[in-house]
C-alpha atoms as a PDB file:
ATOM      1  CA  MET A   1      12.526  -9.040  46.819  1.00  0.00           C
ATOM      2  CA  THR A   2      15.256  -9.209  49.426  1.00  0.00           C
ATOM      3  CA  PRO A   3      16.800 -12.560  50.395  1.00  0.00           C
ATOM      4  CA  ALA A   4      15.453 -12.232  53.952  1.00  0.00           C
ATOM      5  CA  ARG A   5      11.948 -11.625  52.638  1.00  0.00           C
ATOM      6  CA  ARG A   6      12.217 -14.611  50.283  1.00  0.00           C
ATOM      7  CA  THR A   7      13.331 -16.826  53.169  1.00  0.00           C
ATOM      8  CA  ALA A   8      10.481 -15.577  55.360  1.00  0.00           C
ATOM      9  CA  LYS A   9       7.966 -16.228  52.596  1.00  0.00           C
ATOM     10  CA  ARG A  10       9.333 -19.731  52.067  1.00  0.00           C
ATOM     11  CA  THR A  11       9.173 -20.420  55.824  1.00  0.00           C
ATOM     12  CA  VAL A  12       5.561 -19.286  56.004  1.00  0.00           C
ATOM     13  CA  LEU A  13       4.655 -21.458  53.012  1.00  0.00           C
ATOM     14  CA  HIS A  14       6.298 -24.491  54.631  1.00  0.00           C
ATOM     15  CA  ALA A  15       4.464 -23.812  57.898  1.00  0.00           C
ATOM     16  CA  LEU A  16       1.148 -23.553  56.062  1.00  0.00           C
ATOM     17  CA  ALA A  17       1.845 -26.773  54.174  1.00  0.00           C
ATOM     18  CA  GLY A  18       2.600 -28.524  57.466  1.00  0.00           C
ATOM     19  CA  LEU A  19      -0.604 -27.213  59.030  1.00  0.00           C
ATOM     20  CA  GLU A  20      -2.534 -28.294  55.968  1.00  0.00           C
ATOM     21  CA  GLY A  21      -1.083 -31.770  56.381  1.00  0.00           C
ATOM     22  CA  LEU A  22      -2.323 -31.967  59.958  1.00  0.00           C
ATOM     23  CA  LEU A  23      -5.805 -30.663  59.254  1.00  0.00           C
ATOM     24  CA  LEU A  24      -6.673 -32.237  55.934  1.00  0.00           C
ATOM     25  CA  GLY A  25      -6.824 -35.828  54.803  1.00  0.00           C
ATOM     26  CA  ARG A  26      -4.701 -37.078  51.958  1.00  0.00           C
ATOM     27  CA  GLY A  27      -7.426 -36.658  49.321  1.00  0.00           C
ATOM     28  CA  GLN A  28      -8.169 -33.107  50.385  1.00  0.00           C
ATOM     29  CA  ARG A  29      -4.471 -32.212  50.311  1.00  0.00           C
ATOM     30  CA  THR A  30      -4.227 -33.550  46.773  1.00  0.00           C
ATOM     31  CA  ALA A  31      -7.341 -31.599  45.758  1.00  0.00           C
ATOM     32  CA  CYS A  32      -5.940 -28.388  47.255  1.00  0.00           C
ATOM     33  CA  ARG A  33      -2.585 -28.900  45.558  1.00  0.00           C
ATOM     34  CA  ASN A  34      -4.297 -29.547  42.230  1.00  0.00           C
ATOM     35  CA  ALA A  35      -6.497 -26.482  42.637  1.00  0.00           C
ATOM     36  CA  ARG A  36      -3.479 -24.322  43.478  1.00  0.00           C
ATOM     37  CA  SER A  37      -1.634 -25.637  40.427  1.00  0.00           C
ATOM     38  CA  ALA A  38      -4.643 -24.911  38.220  1.00  0.00           C
ATOM     39  CA  VAL A  39      -4.889 -21.326  39.519  1.00  0.00           C
ATOM     40  CA  LEU A  40      -1.180 -20.720  38.932  1.00  0.00           C
ATOM     41  CA  GLU A  41      -1.428 -22.148  35.416  1.00  0.00           C
ATOM     42  CA  ASP A  42      -4.465 -19.947  34.662  1.00  0.00           C
ATOM     43  CA  ARG A  43      -2.560 -16.881  35.860  1.00  0.00           C
ATOM     44  CA  ARG A  44       0.409 -17.828  33.667  1.00  0.00           C
ATOM     45  CA  ARG A  45      -1.833 -18.222  30.615  1.00  0.00           C
ATOM     46  CA  ALA A  46      -3.574 -14.912  31.361  1.00  0.00           C
ATOM     47  CA  ARG A  47      -0.180 -13.153  31.508  1.00  0.00           C
ATOM     48  CA  LEU A  48       0.812 -14.721  28.185  1.00  0.00           C
ATOM     49  CA  ARG A  49      -2.514 -13.704  26.639  1.00  0.00           C
ATOM     50  CA  ALA A  50      -2.109 -10.124  27.852  1.00  0.00           C
ATOM     51  CA  ASP A  51       1.447  -9.996  26.498  1.00  0.00           C
ATOM     52  CA  ALA A  52       0.315 -11.340  23.125  1.00  0.00           C
ATOM     53  CA  GLN A  53      -2.518  -8.799  23.013  1.00  0.00           C
ATOM     54  CA  ARG A  54      -0.070  -5.950  23.708  1.00  0.00           C
ATOM     55  CA  VAL A  55       2.170  -7.143  20.872  1.00  0.00           C
ATOM     56  CA  LEU A  56      -0.783  -7.371  18.483  1.00  0.00           C
ATOM     57  CA  ASP A  57      -2.056  -3.929  19.509  1.00  0.00           C
ATOM     58  CA  SER A  58       1.342  -2.316  19.039  1.00  0.00           C
ATOM     59  CA  ALA A  59       1.766  -4.037  15.646  1.00  0.00           C
ATOM     60  CA  ARG A  60      -1.660  -2.809  14.582  1.00  0.00           C
ATOM     61  CA  GLU A  61      -0.840   0.743  15.628  1.00  0.00           C
ATOM     62  CA  GLY A  62       2.426   0.630  13.680  1.00  0.00           C
ATOM     63  CA  ALA A  63       0.647  -0.666  10.567  1.00  0.00           C
ATOM     64  CA  ARG A  64      -1.920   2.169  10.355  1.00  0.00           C
ATOM     65  CA  PRO A  65      -1.526   4.350   7.294  1.00  0.00           C
ATOM     66  CA  ALA A  66      -0.636   7.981   7.922  1.00  0.00           C
ATOM     67  CA  THR A  67      -3.486  10.436   7.334  1.00  0.00           C
END
């Protein structure tokens, strides 16, 4: 990702966070932030699970006896 694109993405995220602050109450902002964090953590765990599965699959393929 280019530096300009990263900056644009960051600017959009800050604008959305500011808009969220205007539209939502404090409790709703906290709930949204917590939900976002949970989704990101789930995605991270899914990536780790997929990586572990690939390692296990490749180890299993390497351990098969030649026929």
